[in-house]
């Protein structure tokens, strides 16, 4: 007897009374067709403000919900409620998590975190003040991500920023802010999750063809949604670049991946940039679950990478299902972390990960090999990492070094080293945390960190400190700590060498 096809419904909250909302409906219909061709049973389900459709859907136990909810009742600030409700009902879903959607819905909150992580984003102001040295600003909605409230009149002299913010809040509703307008080129960088972690799709640049003098070169609501308009027809994208743009494209890709890690993104996303006259890139926005219509930028980038539409949808579904299996195997579905005691298979299921606190003689070379393989550390630092393991083996707890080790397939996949700060009763140092190169970008580092924090908490820790470098190479590292609840406690310029300072992160542990 053959089993019935897996049920993968497509969920959206669009009302189809605006062009951007209608586009979501088109995307839902296209994805439903793709799912059918891929062998899944599918249907389209509309979600309203009462979220009532999810209760009935939960009873049908779909294998996965393809989540296209970009807002509810026309309000984009409510997009995160759909994955929150899906999680409540224990339903697996595609795309970004409720947490990542919530954290990226506010453009100003995104910009604060980008600035803290050292990632470039234009200066901005909530009330239009405090923008000394800025000549022109672009006034944007804080919470809407479909260019709602964005038009040619959004770019004004900085002195008019407060006036324009107030006017647009009256006209469109919601809250607006002013951002320094970056004259220059505009790029979109699409990122798609996969078995090996996030994958950069070919980078696209938006051309502004025959734009008259005085008209801002921006992708506004007209350019995105109003077919037949000047802006809609004169803002094509292209993927072909001269060799001279190679370093810029590499920089854009690095920054997009740093933003992906900073916000702990999964599934698929798009990072939008402006590049100024000095060839400096600036992150404008981070779009979790960007539009998947066949003519949208994400599908175009996937096609440029050699993926047809069905293959793109298949990849998104496969990644979401793999994430669901990983979370179930890891015991993360209930938000808990299993205690570490000797050796424990993760989550009681066969996930391939084995956790332990005990340190073995073979870990000396295991740590050395793992740390060297990350290509992040000097020869001296690699030796130090191995020496800490050796000291723990030789002196035991008196060494002051504790470890969390995780193995996969009989080899070390990641580890952390921590210890009580001498002279302190409740403050601990996280000396090392590293994940093998082939397991990076898959959430293992967060699991190691969570288990290490639990272990320190059991030992009486109230504060955890982490030191790292301020140089550009360590942007992903700093983003990792900021994305896991750490804050910058102190910075020391030129600490390691000129231009390379020390950044100290702190996390206060709750009971």
Protein backbone atom coordinates (compact mmCIF):
# COMPACT_ATOMS: atom_id res chain seq x y z
CA UNK A 1 0.00 0.00 0.00
CA UNK A 2 1.41 3.40 -0.95
CA UNK A 3 1.24 6.21 1.58
CA UNK A 4 -0.68 9.41 0.90
CA UNK A 5 1.33 12.47 -0.24
CA UNK A 6 2.55 14.70 2.58
CA UNK A 7 0.29 17.68 3.26
CA UNK A 8 2.02 21.07 2.88
CA UNK A 9 -0.54 23.93 2.88
CA UNK A 10 0.39 27.49 1.92
CA UNK A 11 -0.55 30.07 4.56
CA UNK A 12 -0.95 33.79 3.88
CA UNK A 13 -2.70 36.79 5.44
CA UNK A 14 -3.15 39.01 2.38
CA UNK A 15 -6.46 40.68 1.60
CA UNK A 16 -5.66 41.40 -2.08
CA UNK A 17 -6.96 44.98 -1.83
CA UNK A 18 -3.52 46.51 -2.54
CA UNK A 19 -1.02 45.57 -5.25
CA UNK A 20 1.51 44.30 -2.69
CA UNK A 21 -1.16 42.18 -1.00
CA UNK A 22 -2.38 40.83 -4.34
CA UNK A 23 1.18 39.83 -5.14
CA UNK A 24 1.24 37.63 -2.03
CA UNK A 25 -1.88 35.86 -3.26
CA UNK A 26 -0.18 35.26 -6.61
CA UNK A 27 2.87 33.88 -4.83
CA UNK A 28 0.66 31.55 -2.76
CA UNK A 29 -1.04 30.20 -5.88
CA UNK A 30 2.29 29.71 -7.65
CA UNK A 31 3.84 27.93 -4.68
CA UNK A 32 0.80 25.68 -4.33
CA UNK A 33 1.29 24.66 -7.95
CA UNK A 34 4.98 24.00 -7.39
CA UNK A 35 4.26 21.89 -4.32
CA UNK A 36 1.81 19.81 -6.35
CA UNK A 37 4.43 19.20 -9.01
CA UNK A 38 6.88 18.20 -6.30
CA UNK A 39 4.50 15.50 -5.08
CA UNK A 40 2.95 17.23 -2.08
CA UNK A 41 -0.72 17.66 -1.33
CA UNK A 42 -1.39 21.37 -0.85
CA UNK A 43 -4.05 24.02 -0.50
CA UNK A 44 -4.11 27.74 0.24
CA UNK A 45 -5.25 28.88 3.68
CA UNK A 46 -6.00 32.51 4.51
CA UNK A 47 -5.18 33.73 8.02
CA UNK A 48 -7.12 36.55 9.66
CA UNK A 49 -6.55 38.56 12.80
CA UNK A 50 -8.32 35.94 14.94
CA UNK A 51 -5.78 33.26 13.86
CA UNK A 52 -8.71 30.85 13.95
CA UNK A 53 -7.67 28.99 10.80
CA UNK A 54 -4.66 27.56 12.61
CA UNK A 55 -6.68 25.61 15.18
CA UNK A 56 -8.43 23.68 12.43
CA UNK A 57 -5.17 23.30 10.53
CA UNK A 58 -3.41 21.84 13.57
CA UNK A 59 -5.97 19.04 13.73
CA UNK A 60 -4.98 18.01 10.20
CA UNK A 61 -1.30 17.65 11.20
CA UNK A 62 0.43 18.93 8.05
CA UNK A 63 3.99 17.82 7.43
CA UNK A 64 4.91 21.49 7.03
CA UNK A 65 3.19 24.85 6.66
CA UNK A 66 4.62 27.04 3.91
CA UNK A 67 4.41 30.39 5.67
CA UNK A 68 3.80 33.42 3.44
CA UNK A 69 2.22 35.65 6.09
CA UNK A 70 3.70 39.14 5.58
CA UNK A 71 1.04 40.85 7.68
CA UNK A 72 -2.47 40.48 9.02
CA UNK A 73 -5.36 42.71 7.93
CA UNK A 74 -2.88 44.82 5.97
CA UNK A 75 -0.62 45.44 8.98
CA UNK A 76 2.95 44.27 8.34
CA UNK A 77 3.93 44.74 11.99
CA UNK A 78 1.88 41.64 12.86
CA UNK A 79 3.76 39.21 10.58
CA UNK A 80 5.50 37.46 13.48
CA UNK A 81 2.18 36.40 15.04
CA UNK A 82 1.72 33.66 12.44
CA UNK A 83 4.91 31.70 13.28
CA UNK A 84 4.27 32.28 16.98
CA UNK A 85 0.86 30.65 16.61
CA UNK A 86 2.28 27.86 14.45
CA UNK A 87 4.81 27.13 17.18
CA UNK A 88 2.02 27.17 19.75
CA UNK A 89 0.23 24.44 17.82
CA UNK A 90 3.45 22.48 17.31
CA UNK A 91 3.40 22.95 13.52
CA UNK A 92 6.58 23.05 11.46
CA UNK A 93 6.80 25.93 9.00
CA UNK A 94 9.05 27.34 6.31
CA UNK A 95 11.10 30.50 6.37
CA UNK A 96 12.13 32.72 9.26
CA UNK A 97 11.35 32.01 12.89
CA UNK A 98 8.93 34.05 14.97
CA UNK A 99 11.92 35.52 16.80
CA UNK A 100 13.78 36.59 13.65
CA UNK A 101 10.62 38.09 12.16
CA UNK A 102 9.89 40.01 15.36
CA UNK A 103 13.48 41.26 15.59
CA UNK A 104 13.53 42.57 12.01
CA UNK A 105 10.05 44.09 11.78
CA UNK A 106 11.22 47.41 13.19
CA UNK A 107 13.72 49.06 10.87
CA UNK A 108 15.05 51.26 13.66
CA UNK A 109 15.56 48.28 15.99
CA UNK A 110 17.46 46.56 13.18
CA UNK A 111 19.65 49.63 12.71
CA UNK A 112 20.44 49.81 16.43
CA UNK A 113 21.67 46.22 16.45
CA UNK A 114 23.59 46.68 13.20
CA UNK A 115 25.36 49.68 14.69
CA UNK A 116 26.18 47.82 17.90
CA UNK A 117 27.63 44.94 15.88
CA UNK A 118 29.78 47.31 13.86
CA UNK A 119 27.91 46.72 10.60
CA UNK A 120 27.49 49.81 8.38
CA UNK A 121 24.04 51.37 8.22
CA UNK A 122 23.13 55.00 7.45
CA UNK A 123 22.61 57.46 10.27
CA UNK A 124 19.01 57.87 11.33
CA UNK A 125 16.64 59.71 13.63
CA UNK A 126 13.22 58.95 15.08
CA UNK A 127 12.14 62.59 15.24
CA UNK A 128 14.22 64.08 12.43
CA UNK A 129 16.70 65.80 14.73
CA UNK A 130 20.33 65.14 15.52
CA UNK A 131 21.47 64.51 11.94
CA UNK A 132 24.34 66.99 11.83
CA UNK A 133 26.27 66.90 8.59
CA UNK A 134 23.49 65.10 6.70
CA UNK A 135 22.22 67.00 3.67
CA UNK A 136 19.24 64.87 2.62
CA UNK A 137 17.18 62.19 4.32
CA UNK A 138 14.72 59.57 3.21
CA UNK A 139 11.62 59.26 5.40
CA UNK A 140 10.46 55.64 5.82
CA UNK A 141 7.88 53.62 7.69
CA UNK A 142 9.37 51.88 10.73
CA UNK A 143 7.27 48.74 10.46
CA UNK A 144 6.13 48.27 6.86
CA UNK A 145 8.37 46.32 4.49
CA UNK A 146 6.56 46.63 1.14
CA UNK A 147 7.69 50.24 0.48
CA UNK A 148 4.34 51.45 1.79
CA UNK A 149 4.57 55.19 2.36
CA UNK A 150 7.68 55.48 0.17
CA UNK A 151 7.55 57.70 -2.93
CA UNK A 152 9.56 60.34 -4.75
CA UNK A 153 8.60 62.90 -2.09
CA UNK A 154 10.13 60.78 0.68
CA UNK A 155 13.59 62.25 0.03
CA UNK A 156 13.83 65.74 1.52
CA UNK A 157 16.37 68.17 2.90
CA UNK A 158 17.50 67.14 6.39
CA UNK A 159 16.02 70.35 7.79
CA UNK A 160 12.56 69.17 6.74
CA UNK A 161 12.87 65.69 8.26
CA UNK A 162 10.65 66.31 11.30
CA UNK A 163 7.98 67.94 9.15
CA UNK A 164 7.97 65.07 6.65
CA UNK A 165 7.85 62.41 9.39
CA UNK A 166 4.77 64.06 10.89
CA UNK A 167 3.08 64.45 7.51
CA UNK A 168 3.58 60.82 6.50
CA UNK A 169 2.39 59.51 9.83
CA UNK A 170 -0.86 61.40 9.31
CA UNK A 171 -1.16 60.34 5.67
CA UNK A 172 -0.25 56.65 5.98
CA UNK A 173 -0.62 55.84 9.68
CA UNK A 174 1.98 54.07 11.75
CA UNK A 175 5.38 55.47 12.68
CA UNK A 176 8.03 56.91 10.36
CA UNK A 177 11.69 57.84 10.80
CA UNK A 178 14.39 59.70 8.87
CA UNK A 179 17.49 58.01 7.46
CA UNK A 180 20.48 59.69 5.86
CA UNK A 181 19.97 59.36 2.11
CA UNK A 182 22.86 57.55 0.43
CA UNK A 183 23.34 58.80 -3.12
CA UNK A 184 24.64 55.96 -5.24
CA UNK A 185 23.97 52.40 -6.36
CA UNK A 186 21.41 49.95 -4.93
CA UNK A 187 21.98 46.21 -4.49
CA UNK A 188 19.94 43.24 -3.27
CA UNK A 189 21.69 40.21 -1.77
CA UNK A 190 19.53 37.08 -1.51
CA UNK A 191 20.52 34.36 0.96
CA UNK A 192 19.06 30.86 0.98
CA UNK A 193 19.54 28.28 3.72
CA UNK A 194 20.71 24.79 2.87
CA UNK A 195 22.39 21.65 4.26
CA UNK A 196 25.75 23.43 4.42
CA UNK A 197 24.37 26.62 5.96
CA UNK A 198 23.40 29.92 4.32
CA UNK A 199 24.16 30.23 0.61
CA UNK A 200 24.65 33.52 -1.19
CA UNK A 201 22.66 33.74 -4.40
CA UNK A 202 23.94 35.94 -7.24
CA UNK A 203 23.89 39.61 -6.28
CA UNK A 204 21.55 41.94 -8.15
CA UNK A 205 21.89 45.67 -8.81
CA UNK A 206 18.89 47.88 -9.51
CA UNK A 207 19.28 50.17 -12.50
CA UNK A 208 17.54 53.54 -12.57
CA UNK A 209 17.01 54.05 -16.29
CA UNK A 210 16.48 57.57 -17.67
CA UNK A 211 15.51 58.96 -14.27
CA UNK A 212 15.07 62.72 -14.65
CA UNK A 213 17.21 65.12 -12.68
CA UNK A 214 15.62 65.82 -9.33
CA UNK A 215 13.84 62.49 -9.04
CA UNK A 216 15.41 60.35 -6.29
CA UNK A 217 16.81 57.05 -7.51
CA UNK A 218 14.98 54.80 -5.06
CA UNK A 219 12.87 51.66 -5.27
CA UNK A 220 9.63 53.13 -3.96
CA UNK A 221 6.07 51.77 -3.91
CA UNK A 222 5.51 52.78 -7.52
CA UNK A 223 8.65 50.96 -8.68
CA UNK A 224 7.65 47.78 -6.88
CA UNK A 225 3.92 47.55 -7.44
CA UNK A 226 2.38 49.99 -9.92
CA UNK A 227 2.55 48.25 -13.28
CA UNK A 228 2.65 50.62 -16.23
CA UNK A 229 4.19 53.44 -14.19
CA UNK A 230 7.51 55.11 -15.07
CA UNK A 231 9.33 53.73 -12.02
CA UNK A 232 7.98 50.19 -12.48
CA UNK A 233 9.25 50.04 -16.05
CA UNK A 234 12.56 51.82 -15.47
CA UNK A 235 14.04 49.93 -12.51
CA UNK A 236 15.28 46.63 -13.97
CA UNK A 237 17.79 44.48 -12.11
CA UNK A 238 20.98 43.02 -13.52
CA UNK A 239 23.42 40.33 -12.38
CA UNK A 240 26.37 41.01 -14.68
CA UNK A 241 29.23 43.13 -13.36
CA UNK A 242 32.67 44.21 -14.56
CA UNK A 243 35.73 42.66 -12.93
CA UNK A 244 36.37 45.95 -11.13
CA UNK A 245 33.24 45.34 -9.03
CA UNK A 246 34.60 42.02 -7.70
CA UNK A 247 35.88 43.37 -4.33
CA UNK A 248 32.62 45.28 -3.79
CA UNK A 249 30.49 42.19 -4.51
CA UNK A 250 32.60 40.14 -2.11
CA UNK A 251 32.16 42.79 0.57
CA UNK A 252 28.38 42.87 0.01
CA UNK A 253 28.23 39.09 0.39
CA UNK A 254 30.29 39.13 3.59
CA UNK A 255 28.06 41.83 5.11
CA UNK A 256 24.89 39.97 4.13
CA UNK A 257 26.13 36.81 5.84
CA UNK A 258 27.18 38.80 8.91
CA UNK A 259 23.64 40.23 9.11
CA UNK A 260 22.20 36.72 8.64
CA UNK A 261 24.20 35.48 11.63
CA UNK A 262 23.53 38.59 13.72
CA UNK A 263 19.77 38.04 13.51
CA UNK A 264 20.07 34.23 13.63
CA UNK A 265 18.18 33.88 10.34
CA UNK A 266 17.03 30.63 8.79
CA UNK A 267 15.13 29.76 5.62
CA UNK A 268 15.62 32.61 3.16
CA UNK A 269 16.16 36.36 3.33
CA UNK A 270 17.27 39.40 1.37
CA UNK A 271 19.59 42.19 2.51
CA UNK A 272 19.29 45.54 0.73
CA UNK A 273 22.25 47.90 0.32
CA UNK A 274 23.15 51.32 -1.01
CA UNK A 275 26.74 51.95 -2.12
CA UNK A 276 28.00 55.52 -1.97
CA UNK A 277 30.36 57.42 -4.28
CA UNK A 278 33.35 56.14 -2.30
CA UNK A 279 32.27 52.53 -2.95
CA UNK A 280 31.25 52.04 0.69
CA UNK A 281 28.26 49.71 1.22
CA UNK A 282 25.50 50.58 3.70
CA UNK A 283 22.88 48.11 4.92
CA UNK A 284 19.39 49.55 4.46
CA UNK A 285 17.06 46.72 5.45
CA UNK A 286 16.89 43.01 6.24
CA UNK A 287 13.92 41.24 4.71
CA UNK A 288 13.00 37.91 6.28
CA UNK A 289 10.76 35.79 4.00
CA UNK A 290 10.99 38.17 1.00
CA UNK A 291 8.49 37.93 -1.84
CA UNK A 292 8.58 34.63 -3.76
CA UNK A 293 6.50 35.65 -6.76
CA UNK A 294 7.98 34.29 -10.00
CA UNK A 295 8.99 37.78 -11.15
CA UNK A 296 10.37 38.91 -7.77
CA UNK A 297 14.03 39.46 -7.00
CA UNK A 298 14.53 36.34 -4.90
CA UNK A 299 13.24 34.00 -7.61
CA UNK A 300 15.36 35.87 -10.17
CA UNK A 301 18.49 35.38 -8.05
CA UNK A 302 17.68 31.70 -7.58
CA UNK A 303 17.24 31.31 -11.34
CA UNK A 304 20.58 33.02 -11.90
CA UNK A 305 22.09 30.43 -9.54
CA UNK A 306 20.69 27.63 -11.73
CA UNK A 307 17.56 26.85 -9.69
CA UNK A 308 14.24 26.86 -11.47
CA UNK A 309 11.17 27.90 -9.49
CA UNK A 310 10.23 24.37 -8.39
CA UNK A 311 13.81 23.65 -7.31
CA UNK A 312 13.83 26.83 -5.24
CA UNK A 313 10.60 25.84 -3.48
CA UNK A 314 11.90 22.30 -3.00
CA UNK A 315 15.03 23.69 -1.34
CA UNK A 316 13.02 25.90 1.02
CA UNK A 317 10.78 22.97 2.00
CA UNK A 318 13.70 20.57 2.47
CA UNK A 319 15.55 23.03 4.70
CA UNK A 320 12.45 23.64 6.84
CA UNK A 321 11.80 19.90 7.25
CA UNK A 322 15.46 19.31 8.15
CA UNK A 323 15.25 22.10 10.73
CA UNK A 324 12.15 20.49 12.23
CA UNK A 325 13.91 17.12 12.51
CA UNK A 326 16.96 18.76 14.05
CA UNK A 327 14.88 20.57 16.68
CA UNK A 328 12.97 17.43 17.59
CA UNK A 329 16.17 15.41 17.79
CA UNK A 330 17.80 18.08 19.94
CA UNK A 331 14.87 18.30 22.33
CA UNK A 332 14.45 21.97 21.49
CA UNK A 333 10.75 21.75 20.68
CA UNK A 334 9.83 22.45 24.27
CA UNK A 335 12.41 25.17 24.76
CA UNK A 336 14.44 23.13 27.22
CA UNK A 337 18.05 22.06 27.17
CA UNK A 338 18.90 18.61 28.48
CA UNK A 339 21.37 18.62 31.40
CA UNK A 340 24.89 17.46 30.67
CA UNK A 341 25.87 14.44 32.70
CA UNK A 342 28.75 12.35 31.47
CA UNK A 343 27.69 11.41 27.95
CA UNK A 344 24.18 11.93 26.63
CA UNK A 345 22.73 11.34 23.17
CA UNK A 346 21.04 14.59 22.22
CA UNK A 347 17.36 14.69 23.02
CA UNK A 348 17.12 10.94 23.49
CA UNK A 349 16.79 10.51 19.71
CA UNK A 350 19.41 9.45 17.23
CA UNK A 351 20.55 12.87 16.00
CA UNK A 352 24.22 11.94 15.57
CA UNK A 353 25.38 14.42 18.25
CA UNK A 354 26.88 13.18 21.52
CA UNK A 355 27.51 15.62 24.36
CA UNK A 356 29.96 15.29 27.25
CA UNK A 357 31.78 17.33 29.86
CA UNK A 358 34.57 14.86 30.45
CA UNK A 359 37.84 15.69 28.67
CA UNK A 360 39.90 12.93 27.07
CA UNK A 361 43.52 12.71 25.97
CA UNK A 362 42.50 12.60 22.32
CA UNK A 363 40.76 15.98 22.76
CA UNK A 364 44.15 17.73 22.74
CA UNK A 365 44.64 17.00 19.06
CA UNK A 366 40.90 17.10 18.41
CA UNK A 367 40.69 20.70 19.65
CA UNK A 368 43.87 21.66 17.82
CA UNK A 369 42.51 20.28 14.53
CA UNK A 370 39.06 21.84 14.99
CA UNK A 371 40.36 25.31 15.90
CA UNK A 372 42.92 25.31 13.09
CA UNK A 373 40.21 24.29 10.62
CA UNK A 374 38.15 27.42 11.33
CA UNK A 375 40.90 29.61 9.81
CA UNK A 376 40.09 32.23 12.48
CA UNK A 377 43.06 31.82 14.82
CA UNK A 378 46.84 32.28 14.75
CA UNK A 379 49.28 29.44 15.36
CA UNK A 380 49.87 30.78 18.88
CA UNK A 381 46.14 30.83 19.64
CA UNK A 382 45.75 27.27 18.33
CA UNK A 383 48.53 26.13 20.67
CA UNK A 384 46.83 27.88 23.60
CA UNK A 385 43.52 26.17 22.87
CA UNK A 386 45.21 22.75 22.96
CA UNK A 387 47.19 23.67 26.10
CA UNK A 388 44.00 24.45 28.05
CA UNK A 389 42.74 20.93 27.31
CA UNK A 390 46.10 19.50 28.39
CA UNK A 391 46.06 21.50 31.63
CA UNK A 392 42.54 20.24 32.43
CA UNK A 393 43.68 16.65 31.90
CA UNK A 394 46.76 17.15 34.08
CA UNK A 395 45.22 19.15 36.95
CA UNK A 396 41.52 18.32 36.79
CA UNK A 397 39.11 20.87 38.31
CA UNK A 398 42.05 22.68 39.95
CA UNK A 399 43.00 23.93 36.50
CA UNK A 400 40.00 26.25 36.55
CA UNK A 401 38.97 25.12 33.06
CA UNK A 402 35.65 23.41 32.35
CA UNK A 403 34.52 22.06 29.00
CA UNK A 404 31.48 21.17 26.95
CA UNK A 405 32.30 18.80 24.09
CA UNK A 406 30.04 17.65 21.26
CA UNK A 407 30.92 14.81 18.90
CA UNK A 408 29.42 13.76 15.60
CA UNK A 409 30.35 10.54 13.89
CA UNK A 410 33.12 9.91 16.40
CA UNK A 411 34.90 13.21 15.81
CA UNK A 412 34.81 16.53 17.66
CA UNK A 413 32.23 18.83 16.04
CA UNK A 414 32.46 21.70 18.51
CA UNK A 415 33.38 22.66 22.05
CA UNK A 416 33.46 25.41 24.65
CA UNK A 417 35.89 26.14 27.47
CA UNK A 418 34.90 28.29 30.44
CA UNK A 419 35.87 28.92 34.05
CA UNK A 420 35.38 31.00 37.18
CA UNK A 421 37.27 34.30 36.95
CA UNK A 422 39.96 34.26 39.69
CA UNK A 423 38.95 36.39 42.65
CA UNK A 424 35.26 36.30 41.69
CA UNK A 425 32.43 34.33 43.25
CA UNK A 426 29.84 34.52 40.47
CA UNK A 427 31.60 35.82 37.34
CA UNK A 428 32.70 33.36 34.66
CA UNK A 429 34.80 33.69 31.54
CA UNK A 430 33.88 31.95 28.30
CA UNK A 431 37.42 31.35 27.08
CA UNK A 432 36.68 29.45 23.88
CA UNK A 433 33.78 28.37 21.75
CA UNK A 434 34.39 26.84 18.35
CA UNK A 435 32.52 24.78 15.78
CA UNK A 436 34.13 22.71 13.04
CA UNK A 437 34.15 24.44 9.67
CA UNK A 438 31.68 21.99 8.10
CA UNK A 439 29.12 22.52 10.90
CA UNK A 440 29.16 26.32 11.01
CA UNK A 441 26.01 28.26 10.20
CA UNK A 442 23.73 25.39 11.30
CA UNK A 443 22.91 26.44 14.87
CA UNK A 444 25.39 24.16 16.62
CA UNK A 445 27.28 27.09 18.13
CA UNK A 446 24.10 28.30 19.81
CA UNK A 447 23.47 24.86 21.26
CA UNK A 448 27.01 24.68 22.64
CA UNK A 449 26.63 28.16 24.12
CA UNK A 450 23.26 27.33 25.70
CA UNK A 451 24.63 24.17 27.31
CA UNK A 452 27.70 26.00 28.55
CA UNK A 453 25.53 28.73 30.08
CA UNK A 454 23.41 26.09 31.81
CA UNK A 455 26.53 24.42 33.17
CA UNK A 456 27.88 27.74 34.46
CA UNK A 457 24.52 28.55 36.00
CA UNK A 458 24.58 25.26 37.91
CA UNK A 459 28.03 26.21 39.22
CA UNK A 460 26.65 29.49 40.57
CA UNK A 461 27.45 31.87 37.71
CA UNK A 462 25.57 35.15 37.62
CA UNK A 463 27.58 36.88 34.90
CA UNK A 464 29.41 35.56 31.85
CA UNK A 465 32.14 37.59 30.15
CA UNK A 466 33.56 37.03 26.68
CA UNK A 467 36.52 38.79 25.08
CA UNK A 468 36.91 39.11 21.32
CA UNK A 469 38.57 41.28 18.71
CA UNK A 470 37.14 44.48 17.23
CA UNK A 471 38.66 43.88 13.78
CA UNK A 472 36.54 43.31 10.69
CA UNK A 473 37.37 39.58 10.56
CA UNK A 474 35.45 39.14 13.82
CA UNK A 475 32.21 40.83 12.73
CA UNK A 476 30.44 37.41 12.56
CA UNK A 477 31.77 36.55 16.04
CA UNK A 478 30.47 39.80 17.54
CA UNK A 479 27.19 39.31 15.72
CA UNK A 480 26.90 35.82 17.24
CA UNK A 481 27.18 37.15 20.80
CA UNK A 482 24.82 40.06 20.21
CA UNK A 483 22.32 37.64 18.71
CA UNK A 484 22.46 35.38 21.76
CA UNK A 485 21.67 37.99 24.40
CA UNK A 486 25.12 39.43 25.18
CA UNK A 487 25.78 43.15 25.39
CA UNK A 488 28.97 45.15 24.95
CA UNK A 489 30.33 45.88 28.43
CA UNK A 490 33.60 47.54 27.44
CA UNK A 491 35.82 48.31 24.47
CA UNK A 492 39.57 48.96 24.45
CA UNK A 493 40.96 50.48 21.27
CA UNK A 494 44.23 49.09 19.84
CA UNK A 495 44.38 46.51 22.65
CA UNK A 496 45.91 43.70 20.59
CA UNK A 497 47.66 45.83 17.99
CA UNK A 498 47.01 49.17 16.24
CA UNK A 499 43.55 49.02 14.69
CA UNK A 500 42.64 45.81 16.56
CA UNK A 501 40.90 46.47 19.86
CA UNK A 502 39.31 44.26 22.50
CA UNK A 503 35.52 44.04 22.91
CA UNK A 504 34.19 42.57 26.16
CA UNK A 505 30.69 41.11 26.07
CA UNK A 506 28.54 40.45 29.13
CA UNK A 507 25.48 38.33 29.79
CA UNK A 508 23.59 38.51 33.07
CA UNK A 509 22.15 35.09 33.90
CA UNK A 510 18.65 34.79 35.31
CA UNK A 511 17.75 32.19 37.90
